[in-house]
């Protein structure tokens, strides 16, 4: 199982939060907004603590989200998985043996259709939909795709976590530290 049954996947935006998170029992972590000068250290620290690091390739400051950047990440940083909105980045990650998470922003029905086309093209290991506070849309995506769905974005309460999970999401991703210890079981 890709997330080892973990239903809340903490997401961090800076080194200080990341260092605190490494002391927590979570196995799967997401690094969102990061800086090129720190990302290698962060991935290495995570691996040393036995963590599976999912790196959001589109949000690394100082690194353009394109094919050369994807190659750099895969060859030099080697996180467990890569998150991106870009199919070309995820294609490189798949070819290099990394787990892939296609991130889709649900703005309207057209963005949903575009997301489905990308999913067919890329065939990622998981899909993350944002915002993750629309149970009806989570349910629809879960029914339409053949990979685990992570709900992320704007989930600010335990009720939001439960609603997303009850709608069929495998997990939620959140940078809200008060939800990191929530156990939905």
N, C-alpha and C. Protein backbone atom coordinates (compact mmCIF):
# COMPACT_ATOMS: atom_id res chain seq x y z
N UNK A 1 0.85 -1.18 0.00
CA UNK A 1 0.00 0.00 0.00
C UNK A 1 0.89 1.24 0.00
N UNK A 2 0.58 2.18 -0.86
CA UNK A 2 1.44 3.34 -1.04
C UNK A 2 1.62 4.21 0.20
N UNK A 3 0.57 4.41 0.96
CA UNK A 3 0.67 5.28 2.13
C UNK A 3 0.67 4.50 3.45
N UNK A 4 0.83 3.20 3.39
CA UNK A 4 0.93 2.36 4.58
C UNK A 4 -0.26 2.53 5.52
N UNK A 5 -1.45 2.85 4.98
CA UNK A 5 -2.63 3.04 5.80
C UNK A 5 -2.68 4.38 6.52
N UNK A 6 -1.72 5.25 6.26
CA UNK A 6 -1.68 6.56 6.90
C UNK A 6 -2.76 7.45 6.28
N UNK A 7 -3.72 7.93 7.10
CA UNK A 7 -4.83 8.70 6.53
C UNK A 7 -4.61 10.21 6.59
N UNK A 8 -3.64 10.68 7.33
CA UNK A 8 -3.26 12.09 7.32
C UNK A 8 -1.79 12.16 6.94
N UNK A 9 -1.51 12.88 5.86
CA UNK A 9 -0.13 13.01 5.39
C UNK A 9 0.30 14.45 5.62
N UNK A 10 1.17 14.69 6.60
CA UNK A 10 1.59 16.05 6.89
C UNK A 10 2.37 16.67 5.72
N UNK A 11 2.11 17.94 5.51
CA UNK A 11 2.80 18.70 4.46
C UNK A 11 3.47 19.90 5.12
N UNK A 12 4.73 20.14 4.78
CA UNK A 12 5.47 21.23 5.40
C UNK A 12 5.97 22.21 4.34
N UNK A 13 6.19 23.44 4.81
CA UNK A 13 6.63 24.53 3.93
C UNK A 13 8.00 25.07 4.27
N UNK A 14 8.62 24.61 5.35
CA UNK A 14 9.92 25.16 5.72
C UNK A 14 10.72 24.16 6.54
N UNK A 15 11.99 24.46 6.67
CA UNK A 15 12.92 23.55 7.36
C UNK A 15 12.56 23.37 8.83
N UNK A 16 12.18 24.42 9.50
CA UNK A 16 11.86 24.31 10.93
C UNK A 16 10.70 23.33 11.16
N UNK A 17 9.63 23.47 10.38
CA UNK A 17 8.50 22.55 10.50
C UNK A 17 8.90 21.14 10.12
N UNK A 18 9.75 21.02 9.11
CA UNK A 18 10.21 19.71 8.66
C UNK A 18 11.01 19.02 9.76
N UNK A 19 11.90 19.73 10.41
CA UNK A 19 12.70 19.14 11.49
C UNK A 19 11.81 18.65 12.63
N UNK A 20 10.78 19.41 12.97
CA UNK A 20 9.85 18.98 14.01
C UNK A 20 9.08 17.75 13.56
N UNK A 21 8.67 17.75 12.32
CA UNK A 21 7.90 16.64 11.78
C UNK A 21 8.70 15.34 11.75
N UNK A 22 9.99 15.43 11.54
CA UNK A 22 10.84 14.23 11.51
C UNK A 22 10.81 13.47 12.84
N UNK A 23 10.47 14.17 13.91
CA UNK A 23 10.42 13.54 15.23
C UNK A 23 9.08 12.85 15.48
N UNK A 24 8.13 13.04 14.57
CA UNK A 24 6.80 12.45 14.70
C UNK A 24 6.79 11.05 14.08
N UNK A 25 5.79 10.24 14.44
CA UNK A 25 5.76 8.85 13.96
C UNK A 25 5.29 8.67 12.51
N UNK A 26 5.00 9.72 11.80
CA UNK A 26 4.52 9.58 10.42
C UNK A 26 5.59 8.97 9.53
N UNK A 27 5.17 8.09 8.67
CA UNK A 27 6.11 7.49 7.72
C UNK A 27 6.13 8.28 6.40
N UNK A 28 4.98 8.80 5.98
CA UNK A 28 4.85 9.53 4.72
C UNK A 28 4.74 11.02 5.00
N UNK A 29 5.54 11.81 4.29
CA UNK A 29 5.56 13.26 4.47
C UNK A 29 5.57 13.95 3.11
N UNK A 30 5.02 15.15 3.06
CA UNK A 30 5.05 15.94 1.84
C UNK A 30 5.83 17.22 2.10
N UNK A 31 6.78 17.50 1.22
CA UNK A 31 7.47 18.79 1.25
C UNK A 31 6.86 19.63 0.15
N UNK A 32 6.22 20.71 0.54
CA UNK A 32 5.56 21.59 -0.41
C UNK A 32 6.53 22.66 -0.89
N UNK A 33 6.37 23.82 -0.37
CA UNK A 33 7.17 24.98 -0.76
C UNK A 33 8.55 24.87 -0.12
N UNK A 34 9.57 24.73 -0.95
CA UNK A 34 10.91 24.56 -0.44
C UNK A 34 11.90 25.35 -1.29
N UNK A 35 13.12 25.42 -0.83
CA UNK A 35 14.16 26.18 -1.52
C UNK A 35 15.21 25.20 -2.05
N UNK A 36 15.70 25.45 -3.23
CA UNK A 36 16.66 24.57 -3.88
C UNK A 36 17.86 24.28 -2.98
N UNK A 37 18.31 25.27 -2.22
CA UNK A 37 19.49 25.07 -1.39
C UNK A 37 19.23 24.15 -0.20
N UNK A 38 17.95 23.93 0.16
CA UNK A 38 17.63 23.11 1.33
C UNK A 38 17.05 21.75 0.98
N UNK A 39 16.52 21.61 -0.21
CA UNK A 39 15.73 20.42 -0.52
C UNK A 39 16.55 19.12 -0.45
N UNK A 40 17.79 19.16 -0.89
CA UNK A 40 18.63 17.96 -0.82
C UNK A 40 18.85 17.52 0.61
N UNK A 41 19.10 18.47 1.48
CA UNK A 41 19.30 18.18 2.90
C UNK A 41 18.02 17.61 3.50
N UNK A 42 16.88 18.20 3.14
CA UNK A 42 15.61 17.74 3.69
C UNK A 42 15.31 16.29 3.28
N UNK A 43 15.52 15.97 2.02
CA UNK A 43 15.26 14.60 1.56
C UNK A 43 16.21 13.63 2.26
N UNK A 44 17.47 14.01 2.38
CA UNK A 44 18.45 13.15 3.06
C UNK A 44 18.07 12.93 4.52
N UNK A 45 17.70 14.00 5.22
CA UNK A 45 17.29 13.88 6.62
C UNK A 45 16.08 12.96 6.76
N UNK A 46 15.13 13.10 5.85
CA UNK A 46 13.94 12.25 5.88
C UNK A 46 14.29 10.79 5.69
N UNK A 47 15.14 10.51 4.74
CA UNK A 47 15.55 9.12 4.49
C UNK A 47 16.27 8.53 5.70
N UNK A 48 17.11 9.33 6.34
CA UNK A 48 17.84 8.86 7.52
C UNK A 48 16.89 8.49 8.65
N UNK A 49 15.72 9.12 8.70
CA UNK A 49 14.72 8.83 9.73
C UNK A 49 13.70 7.79 9.26
N UNK A 50 13.94 7.20 8.08
CA UNK A 50 13.06 6.17 7.57
C UNK A 50 11.74 6.69 7.02
N UNK A 51 11.71 7.94 6.61
CA UNK A 51 10.49 8.55 6.09
C UNK A 51 10.41 8.41 4.57
N UNK A 52 9.19 8.31 4.07
CA UNK A 52 8.94 8.35 2.64
C UNK A 52 8.58 9.80 2.29
N UNK A 53 9.47 10.43 1.56
CA UNK A 53 9.31 11.86 1.24
C UNK A 53 8.69 12.01 -0.14
N UNK A 54 7.54 12.69 -0.17
CA UNK A 54 6.92 13.11 -1.41
C UNK A 54 7.27 14.58 -1.61
N UNK A 55 7.88 14.88 -2.72
CA UNK A 55 8.36 16.22 -3.00
C UNK A 55 7.47 16.87 -4.06
N UNK A 56 6.98 18.07 -3.76
CA UNK A 56 6.17 18.78 -4.74
C UNK A 56 7.10 19.53 -5.69
N UNK A 57 7.29 18.96 -6.87
CA UNK A 57 8.27 19.47 -7.83
C UNK A 57 7.95 20.88 -8.32
N UNK A 58 6.68 21.24 -8.37
CA UNK A 58 6.30 22.55 -8.90
C UNK A 58 6.58 23.69 -7.94
N UNK A 59 6.87 23.37 -6.69
CA UNK A 59 7.00 24.42 -5.67
C UNK A 59 8.41 24.59 -5.12
N UNK A 60 9.41 24.07 -5.82
CA UNK A 60 10.79 24.23 -5.36
C UNK A 60 11.31 25.57 -5.88
N UNK A 61 11.55 26.49 -4.95
CA UNK A 61 12.07 27.80 -5.34
C UNK A 61 13.48 27.65 -5.89
N UNK A 62 13.70 28.27 -7.05
CA UNK A 62 15.02 28.20 -7.67
C UNK A 62 15.17 27.07 -8.66
N UNK A 63 14.11 26.30 -8.86
CA UNK A 63 14.14 25.18 -9.80
C UNK A 63 12.87 25.23 -10.64
N UNK A 64 13.02 25.41 -11.92
CA UNK A 64 11.88 25.46 -12.83
C UNK A 64 11.25 24.08 -12.91
N UNK A 65 9.96 24.01 -13.03
CA UNK A 65 9.26 22.72 -13.12
C UNK A 65 9.19 22.28 -14.59
N UNK A 66 10.29 21.68 -15.05
CA UNK A 66 10.37 21.22 -16.43
C UNK A 66 11.14 19.90 -16.48
N UNK A 67 11.41 19.40 -17.68
CA UNK A 67 12.08 18.10 -17.81
C UNK A 67 13.47 18.05 -17.18
N UNK A 68 14.34 19.06 -17.43
CA UNK A 68 15.65 19.01 -16.77
C UNK A 68 15.54 19.03 -15.24
N UNK A 69 14.60 19.78 -14.72
CA UNK A 69 14.41 19.82 -13.27
C UNK A 69 13.96 18.45 -12.76
N UNK A 70 13.05 17.81 -13.49
CA UNK A 70 12.59 16.48 -13.09
C UNK A 70 13.74 15.48 -13.10
N UNK A 71 14.58 15.56 -14.11
CA UNK A 71 15.76 14.67 -14.17
C UNK A 71 16.68 14.93 -12.97
N UNK A 72 16.91 16.21 -12.66
CA UNK A 72 17.76 16.57 -11.53
C UNK A 72 17.19 15.98 -10.23
N UNK A 73 15.90 16.16 -10.02
CA UNK A 73 15.27 15.65 -8.80
C UNK A 73 15.41 14.14 -8.72
N UNK A 74 15.11 13.46 -9.82
CA UNK A 74 15.14 12.00 -9.82
C UNK A 74 16.56 11.44 -9.65
N UNK A 75 17.52 12.05 -10.30
CA UNK A 75 18.89 11.54 -10.26
C UNK A 75 19.65 11.95 -9.01
N UNK A 76 19.43 13.15 -8.53
CA UNK A 76 20.24 13.68 -7.43
C UNK A 76 19.55 13.65 -6.07
N UNK A 77 18.26 13.90 -6.02
CA UNK A 77 17.57 13.97 -4.74
C UNK A 77 16.92 12.64 -4.35
N UNK A 78 16.37 11.95 -5.31
CA UNK A 78 15.75 10.64 -5.13
C UNK A 78 14.73 10.59 -3.98
N UNK A 79 13.71 11.47 -4.00
CA UNK A 79 12.66 11.32 -2.99
C UNK A 79 11.88 10.04 -3.28
N UNK A 80 11.04 9.65 -2.36
CA UNK A 80 10.20 8.46 -2.57
C UNK A 80 9.20 8.71 -3.70
N UNK A 81 8.65 9.93 -3.70
CA UNK A 81 7.64 10.25 -4.70
C UNK A 81 7.68 11.70 -5.11
N UNK A 82 7.07 11.97 -6.26
CA UNK A 82 7.03 13.32 -6.81
C UNK A 82 5.58 13.72 -7.05
N UNK A 83 5.24 14.94 -6.64
CA UNK A 83 3.91 15.50 -6.85
C UNK A 83 4.06 16.62 -7.87
N UNK A 84 3.14 16.67 -8.84
CA UNK A 84 3.19 17.74 -9.83
C UNK A 84 1.86 17.86 -10.55
N UNK A 85 1.63 19.02 -11.12
CA UNK A 85 0.49 19.23 -12.01
C UNK A 85 0.90 18.95 -13.45
N UNK A 86 2.18 18.77 -13.68
CA UNK A 86 2.72 18.64 -15.04
C UNK A 86 2.97 17.18 -15.41
N UNK A 87 2.34 16.77 -16.49
CA UNK A 87 2.46 15.37 -16.93
C UNK A 87 3.89 15.03 -17.34
N UNK A 88 4.60 15.97 -17.95
CA UNK A 88 5.97 15.68 -18.39
C UNK A 88 6.89 15.41 -17.19
N UNK A 89 6.70 16.12 -16.10
CA UNK A 89 7.50 15.91 -14.89
C UNK A 89 7.20 14.53 -14.30
N UNK A 90 5.93 14.16 -14.27
CA UNK A 90 5.55 12.87 -13.71
C UNK A 90 5.99 11.71 -14.61
N UNK A 91 6.00 11.92 -15.90
CA UNK A 91 6.50 10.88 -16.82
C UNK A 91 7.96 10.55 -16.51
N UNK A 92 8.78 11.58 -16.30
CA UNK A 92 10.19 11.37 -15.97
C UNK A 92 10.30 10.62 -14.64
N UNK A 93 9.52 11.03 -13.66
CA UNK A 93 9.57 10.39 -12.34
C UNK A 93 9.19 8.91 -12.44
N UNK A 94 8.15 8.59 -13.19
CA UNK A 94 7.75 7.19 -13.36
C UNK A 94 8.87 6.38 -13.99
N UNK A 95 9.49 6.94 -15.02
CA UNK A 95 10.57 6.23 -15.71
C UNK A 95 11.77 6.00 -14.80
N UNK A 96 11.94 6.86 -13.80
CA UNK A 96 13.07 6.75 -12.87
C UNK A 96 12.71 5.99 -11.60
N UNK A 97 11.50 5.42 -11.56
CA UNK A 97 11.13 4.56 -10.45
C UNK A 97 10.55 5.25 -9.23
N UNK A 98 10.21 6.53 -9.33
CA UNK A 98 9.60 7.23 -8.20
C UNK A 98 8.09 7.06 -8.24
N UNK A 99 7.45 7.11 -7.09
CA UNK A 99 5.99 7.12 -7.02
C UNK A 99 5.53 8.49 -7.52
N UNK A 100 4.38 8.51 -8.16
CA UNK A 100 3.90 9.76 -8.76
C UNK A 100 2.51 10.12 -8.24
N UNK A 101 2.33 11.43 -8.01
CA UNK A 101 1.05 11.96 -7.58
C UNK A 101 0.69 13.11 -8.51
N UNK A 102 -0.37 12.93 -9.29
CA UNK A 102 -0.86 13.99 -10.18
C UNK A 102 -1.76 14.90 -9.36
N UNK A 103 -1.42 16.17 -9.30
CA UNK A 103 -2.20 17.14 -8.54
C UNK A 103 -3.17 17.83 -9.49
N UNK A 104 -4.45 17.84 -9.12
CA UNK A 104 -5.49 18.44 -9.94
C UNK A 104 -6.25 19.47 -9.12
N UNK A 105 -6.38 20.67 -9.67
CA UNK A 105 -7.18 21.72 -9.04
C UNK A 105 -8.57 21.68 -9.64
N UNK A 106 -9.59 21.48 -8.80
CA UNK A 106 -10.97 21.41 -9.26
C UNK A 106 -11.59 22.80 -9.22
N UNK A 107 -11.49 23.49 -10.33
CA UNK A 107 -12.04 24.84 -10.42
C UNK A 107 -13.42 24.84 -11.04
N UNK A 108 -13.61 23.97 -12.02
CA UNK A 108 -14.88 23.87 -12.73
C UNK A 108 -14.90 22.53 -13.48
N UNK A 109 -15.98 22.26 -14.21
CA UNK A 109 -16.10 20.97 -14.91
C UNK A 109 -15.02 20.81 -15.98
N UNK A 110 -14.58 21.91 -16.56
CA UNK A 110 -13.53 21.84 -17.58
C UNK A 110 -12.20 21.39 -16.96
N UNK A 111 -11.88 21.92 -15.79
CA UNK A 111 -10.63 21.51 -15.13
C UNK A 111 -10.69 20.04 -14.73
N UNK A 112 -11.87 19.55 -14.39
CA UNK A 112 -12.04 18.13 -14.06
C UNK A 112 -11.79 17.28 -15.31
N UNK A 113 -12.35 17.67 -16.42
CA UNK A 113 -12.13 16.94 -17.69
C UNK A 113 -10.66 16.94 -18.07
N UNK A 114 -10.01 18.08 -17.95
CA UNK A 114 -8.58 18.17 -18.26
C UNK A 114 -7.79 17.26 -17.33
N UNK A 115 -8.15 17.26 -16.06
CA UNK A 115 -7.48 16.39 -15.09
C UNK A 115 -7.61 14.93 -15.45
N UNK A 116 -8.80 14.52 -15.88
CA UNK A 116 -9.01 13.13 -16.28
C UNK A 116 -8.16 12.77 -17.50
N UNK A 117 -8.07 13.68 -18.46
CA UNK A 117 -7.23 13.42 -19.64
C UNK A 117 -5.77 13.23 -19.23
N UNK A 118 -5.30 14.08 -18.32
CA UNK A 118 -3.92 13.96 -17.84
C UNK A 118 -3.71 12.65 -17.10
N UNK A 119 -4.70 12.24 -16.32
CA UNK A 119 -4.60 10.98 -15.58
C UNK A 119 -4.48 9.79 -16.53
N UNK A 120 -5.24 9.81 -17.59
CA UNK A 120 -5.15 8.74 -18.59
C UNK A 120 -3.76 8.73 -19.24
N UNK A 121 -3.25 9.91 -19.51
CA UNK A 121 -1.95 10.03 -20.17
C UNK A 121 -0.81 9.60 -19.24
N UNK A 122 -0.81 10.09 -18.03
CA UNK A 122 0.30 9.87 -17.10
C UNK A 122 0.18 8.54 -16.36
N UNK A 123 -1.03 8.15 -15.99
CA UNK A 123 -1.28 6.98 -15.16
C UNK A 123 -0.44 7.02 -13.89
N UNK A 124 -0.67 8.05 -13.06
CA UNK A 124 0.10 8.17 -11.82
C UNK A 124 -0.28 7.11 -10.82
N UNK A 125 0.52 7.01 -9.77
CA UNK A 125 0.22 6.06 -8.70
C UNK A 125 -0.93 6.55 -7.82
N UNK A 126 -1.04 7.87 -7.69
CA UNK A 126 -2.11 8.50 -6.91
C UNK A 126 -2.48 9.82 -7.57
N UNK A 127 -3.63 10.34 -7.16
CA UNK A 127 -4.05 11.66 -7.60
C UNK A 127 -4.40 12.47 -6.36
N UNK A 128 -4.01 13.72 -6.35
CA UNK A 128 -4.38 14.63 -5.25
C UNK A 128 -5.30 15.67 -5.84
N UNK A 129 -6.47 15.84 -5.23
CA UNK A 129 -7.41 16.84 -5.71
C UNK A 129 -7.52 17.97 -4.70
N UNK A 130 -7.58 19.17 -5.24
CA UNK A 130 -7.70 20.37 -4.42
C UNK A 130 -8.82 21.25 -4.96
N UNK A 131 -9.65 21.85 -4.16
CA UNK A 131 -9.64 21.71 -2.71
C UNK A 131 -10.24 20.39 -2.28
N UNK A 132 -9.84 19.97 -1.10
CA UNK A 132 -10.26 18.67 -0.58
C UNK A 132 -11.48 18.75 0.32
N UNK A 133 -12.24 19.81 0.22
CA UNK A 133 -13.39 20.01 1.11
C UNK A 133 -14.73 19.86 0.38
N UNK A 134 -14.72 19.18 -0.75
CA UNK A 134 -15.95 19.00 -1.52
C UNK A 134 -16.23 17.50 -1.62
N UNK A 135 -16.90 16.93 -0.62
CA UNK A 135 -17.11 15.47 -0.61
C UNK A 135 -17.75 14.93 -1.89
N UNK A 136 -18.69 15.65 -2.45
CA UNK A 136 -19.35 15.18 -3.68
C UNK A 136 -18.34 15.00 -4.82
N UNK A 137 -17.41 15.93 -4.95
CA UNK A 137 -16.40 15.83 -6.00
C UNK A 137 -15.36 14.75 -5.68
N UNK A 138 -15.01 14.62 -4.40
CA UNK A 138 -14.10 13.55 -4.00
C UNK A 138 -14.71 12.21 -4.39
N UNK A 139 -15.98 12.02 -4.05
CA UNK A 139 -16.69 10.78 -4.36
C UNK A 139 -16.68 10.51 -5.87
N UNK A 140 -16.93 11.54 -6.66
CA UNK A 140 -16.96 11.37 -8.11
C UNK A 140 -15.59 10.96 -8.63
N UNK A 141 -14.52 11.65 -8.18
CA UNK A 141 -13.18 11.32 -8.66
C UNK A 141 -12.79 9.91 -8.22
N UNK A 142 -13.09 9.55 -6.98
CA UNK A 142 -12.78 8.20 -6.48
C UNK A 142 -13.46 7.15 -7.36
N UNK A 143 -14.68 7.41 -7.77
CA UNK A 143 -15.41 6.46 -8.62
C UNK A 143 -14.90 6.43 -10.05
N UNK A 144 -14.30 7.52 -10.51
CA UNK A 144 -13.88 7.63 -11.91
C UNK A 144 -12.44 7.20 -12.17
N UNK A 145 -11.58 7.20 -11.16
CA UNK A 145 -10.18 6.86 -11.38
C UNK A 145 -9.85 5.54 -10.71
N UNK A 146 -8.74 4.94 -11.12
CA UNK A 146 -8.36 3.63 -10.61
C UNK A 146 -7.13 3.69 -9.71
N UNK A 147 -6.88 4.84 -9.11
CA UNK A 147 -5.74 5.00 -8.21
C UNK A 147 -6.22 5.67 -6.93
N UNK A 148 -5.48 5.53 -5.84
CA UNK A 148 -5.88 6.19 -4.60
C UNK A 148 -5.96 7.71 -4.76
N UNK A 149 -6.90 8.30 -4.05
CA UNK A 149 -7.14 9.75 -4.11
C UNK A 149 -6.78 10.38 -2.77
N UNK A 150 -5.97 11.42 -2.82
CA UNK A 150 -5.63 12.22 -1.65
C UNK A 150 -6.39 13.54 -1.78
N UNK A 151 -7.06 13.96 -0.73
CA UNK A 151 -7.76 15.24 -0.72
C UNK A 151 -6.88 16.26 0.00
N UNK A 152 -6.64 17.39 -0.60
CA UNK A 152 -5.79 18.41 0.01
C UNK A 152 -6.35 19.80 -0.23
N UNK A 153 -5.94 20.71 0.59
CA UNK A 153 -6.32 22.10 0.41
C UNK A 153 -7.59 22.46 1.14
N UNK A 154 -7.50 23.46 1.97
CA UNK A 154 -8.63 24.05 2.71
C UNK A 154 -9.27 23.12 3.73
N UNK A 155 -8.60 22.04 4.10
CA UNK A 155 -9.12 21.17 5.15
C UNK A 155 -8.57 21.70 6.47
N UNK A 156 -9.47 22.27 7.27
CA UNK A 156 -9.06 22.98 8.49
C UNK A 156 -9.61 22.38 9.77
N UNK A 157 -10.38 21.29 9.66
CA UNK A 157 -10.99 20.74 10.87
C UNK A 157 -11.03 19.22 10.80
N UNK A 158 -11.25 18.61 11.96
CA UNK A 158 -11.41 17.16 12.01
C UNK A 158 -12.63 16.74 11.20
N UNK A 159 -13.66 17.58 11.23
CA UNK A 159 -14.86 17.31 10.43
C UNK A 159 -14.50 17.23 8.95
N UNK A 160 -13.65 18.14 8.48
CA UNK A 160 -13.22 18.15 7.08
C UNK A 160 -12.43 16.89 6.74
N UNK A 161 -11.58 16.45 7.66
CA UNK A 161 -10.82 15.21 7.45
C UNK A 161 -11.79 14.05 7.31
N UNK A 162 -12.72 13.94 8.25
CA UNK A 162 -13.68 12.83 8.23
C UNK A 162 -14.54 12.86 6.97
N UNK A 163 -14.99 14.05 6.58
CA UNK A 163 -15.84 14.17 5.39
C UNK A 163 -15.09 13.70 4.14
N UNK A 164 -13.83 14.09 4.02
CA UNK A 164 -13.03 13.68 2.86
C UNK A 164 -12.81 12.18 2.85
N UNK A 165 -12.51 11.60 4.01
CA UNK A 165 -12.28 10.16 4.10
C UNK A 165 -13.58 9.38 3.87
N UNK A 166 -14.67 9.87 4.42
CA UNK A 166 -15.96 9.21 4.22
C UNK A 166 -16.40 9.27 2.76
N UNK A 167 -15.96 10.30 2.03
CA UNK A 167 -16.29 10.43 0.62
C UNK A 167 -15.45 9.50 -0.24
N UNK A 168 -14.45 8.85 0.37
CA UNK A 168 -13.66 7.86 -0.35
C UNK A 168 -12.20 8.18 -0.52
N UNK A 169 -11.75 9.35 -0.07
CA UNK A 169 -10.33 9.66 -0.16
C UNK A 169 -9.54 8.65 0.65
N UNK A 170 -8.40 8.26 0.13
CA UNK A 170 -7.51 7.34 0.84
C UNK A 170 -6.85 8.06 2.01
N UNK A 171 -6.53 9.34 1.79
CA UNK A 171 -5.86 10.15 2.80
C UNK A 171 -6.13 11.61 2.50
N UNK A 172 -5.75 12.46 3.44
CA UNK A 172 -5.77 13.90 3.21
C UNK A 172 -4.35 14.41 3.42
N UNK A 173 -4.01 15.46 2.71
CA UNK A 173 -2.72 16.12 2.95
C UNK A 173 -3.02 17.47 3.57
N UNK A 174 -2.22 17.84 4.56
CA UNK A 174 -2.48 19.11 5.23
C UNK A 174 -1.22 19.68 5.85
N UNK A 175 -1.12 20.99 5.81
CA UNK A 175 -0.05 21.67 6.52
C UNK A 175 -0.55 22.20 7.86
N UNK A 176 -1.80 21.93 8.18
CA UNK A 176 -2.40 22.34 9.44
C UNK A 176 -1.92 21.39 10.54
N UNK A 177 -0.98 21.85 11.34
CA UNK A 177 -0.34 20.98 12.34
C UNK A 177 -1.32 20.42 13.37
N UNK A 178 -2.42 21.11 13.62
CA UNK A 178 -3.38 20.59 14.61
C UNK A 178 -4.08 19.34 14.10
N UNK A 179 -4.03 19.07 12.81
CA UNK A 179 -4.67 17.87 12.26
C UNK A 179 -3.70 16.72 12.08
N UNK A 180 -2.43 16.95 12.24
CA UNK A 180 -1.44 15.91 12.02
C UNK A 180 -1.62 14.71 12.94
N UNK A 181 -2.11 14.94 14.13
CA UNK A 181 -2.25 13.85 15.08
C UNK A 181 -3.68 13.29 15.10
N UNK A 182 -4.53 13.76 14.24
CA UNK A 182 -5.91 13.26 14.18
C UNK A 182 -5.90 11.82 13.68
N UNK A 183 -6.60 10.97 14.39
CA UNK A 183 -6.70 9.56 14.01
C UNK A 183 -8.15 9.27 13.63
N UNK A 184 -8.37 9.09 12.36
CA UNK A 184 -9.73 8.89 11.86
C UNK A 184 -10.22 7.46 12.04
N UNK A 185 -9.42 6.59 12.58
CA UNK A 185 -9.81 5.17 12.69
C UNK A 185 -10.78 4.94 13.83
